[in-house]
Amino acid sequence: MRKEGEEAHFETDEARGATSPNIVRWVLAISLLAAIVLLSAIWIFGAYNTN
């Protein structure tokens, strides 16, 4: 923490009380990719079996 006059400025980790490892971004990215692949496979195999 540093003070500039009356204002206190905190680092990000100090203000949150923890670190941010960005794991949520990885979970969201992998989940989105898995949903796209799964829905595409359902659509493709469904269209293939219709004929």
C-alpha atoms as a PDB file:
ATOM      1  CA  MET A   1       0.000   0.000   0.000  1.00  0.00           C
ATOM      2  CA  ARG A   2       1.220   3.473  -0.770  1.00  0.00           C
ATOM      3  CA  LYS A   3      -0.298   6.769   0.161  1.00  0.00           C
ATOM      4  CA  GLU A   4      -0.517   9.792  -2.064  1.00  0.00           C
ATOM      5  CA  GLY A   5      -1.818  12.598   0.083  1.00  0.00           C
ATOM      6  CA  GLU A   6      -5.144  11.472   1.532  1.00  0.00           C
ATOM      7  CA  GLU A   7      -5.554   8.578  -0.941  1.00  0.00           C
ATOM      8  CA  ALA A   8      -4.464   4.997  -0.289  1.00  0.00           C
ATOM      9  CA  HIS A   9      -3.425   2.949  -3.335  1.00  0.00           C
ATOM     10  CA  PHE A  10      -3.431  -0.855  -3.063  1.00  0.00           C
ATOM     11  CA  GLU A  11      -1.949  -3.512  -5.311  1.00  0.00           C
ATOM     12  CA  THR A  12      -4.501  -5.862  -6.906  1.00  0.00           C
ATOM     13  CA  ASP A  13      -3.621  -8.848  -4.708  1.00  0.00           C
ATOM     14  CA  GLU A  14      -3.773  -6.704  -1.583  1.00  0.00           C
ATOM     15  CA  ALA A  15      -7.211  -5.371  -2.440  1.00  0.00           C
ATOM     16  CA  ARG A  16      -8.620  -8.828  -3.238  1.00  0.00           C
ATOM     17  CA  GLY A  17      -6.943 -10.626  -0.392  1.00  0.00           C
ATOM     18  CA  ALA A  18      -5.819 -13.385  -2.768  1.00  0.00           C
ATOM     19  CA  THR A  19      -4.135 -14.059  -6.074  1.00  0.00           C
ATOM     20  CA  SER A  20      -5.951 -14.542  -9.369  1.00  0.00           C
ATOM     21  CA  PRO A  21      -4.589 -17.565 -11.259  1.00  0.00           C
ATOM     22  CA  ASN A  22      -6.977 -17.111 -14.249  1.00  0.00           C
ATOM     23  CA  ILE A  23      -8.329 -20.657 -13.855  1.00  0.00           C
ATOM     24  CA  VAL A  24     -11.851 -19.418 -14.585  1.00  0.00           C
ATOM     25  CA  ARG A  25     -10.800 -18.350 -18.071  1.00  0.00           C
ATOM     26  CA  TRP A  26      -9.431 -21.825 -18.803  1.00  0.00           C
ATOM     27  CA  VAL A  27     -12.581 -23.531 -17.502  1.00  0.00           C
ATOM     28  CA  LEU A  28     -14.806 -21.272 -19.606  1.00  0.00           C
ATOM     29  CA  ALA A  29     -12.676 -21.738 -22.728  1.00  0.00           C
ATOM     30  CA  ILE A  30     -12.565 -25.530 -22.415  1.00  0.00           C
ATOM     31  CA  SER A  31     -16.298 -25.714 -21.653  1.00  0.00           C
ATOM     32  CA  LEU A  32     -17.141 -23.541 -24.660  1.00  0.00           C
ATOM     33  CA  LEU A  33     -14.968 -25.652 -26.945  1.00  0.00           C
ATOM     34  CA  ALA A  34     -16.486 -28.881 -25.592  1.00  0.00           C
ATOM     35  CA  ALA A  35     -20.033 -27.555 -26.107  1.00  0.00           C
ATOM     36  CA  ILE A  36     -19.271 -26.515 -29.695  1.00  0.00           C
ATOM     37  CA  VAL A  37     -17.712 -29.892 -30.532  1.00  0.00           C
ATOM     38  CA  LEU A  38     -20.519 -31.876 -28.882  1.00  0.00           C
ATOM     39  CA  LEU A  39     -23.347 -29.905 -30.495  1.00  0.00           C
ATOM     40  CA  SER A  40     -21.628 -30.050 -33.886  1.00  0.00           C
ATOM     41  CA  ALA A  41     -21.211 -33.818 -33.585  1.00  0.00           C
ATOM     42  CA  ILE A  42     -24.896 -34.249 -32.667  1.00  0.00           C
ATOM     43  CA  TRP A  43     -25.942 -32.104 -35.618  1.00  0.00           C
ATOM     44  CA  ILE A  44     -23.609 -33.804 -38.114  1.00  0.00           C
ATOM     45  CA  PHE A  45     -24.473 -37.387 -37.054  1.00  0.00           C
ATOM     46  CA  GLY A  46     -28.169 -36.527 -36.931  1.00  0.00           C
ATOM     47  CA  ALA A  47     -28.094 -35.152 -40.462  1.00  0.00           C
ATOM     48  CA  TYR A  48     -26.069 -38.157 -41.661  1.00  0.00           C
ATOM     49  CA  ASN A  49     -28.507 -40.693 -40.195  1.00  0.00           C
ATOM     50  CA  THR A  50     -31.576 -38.924 -41.583  1.00  0.00           C
ATOM     51  CA  ASN A  51     -30.849 -39.949 -45.177  1.00  0.00           C
END
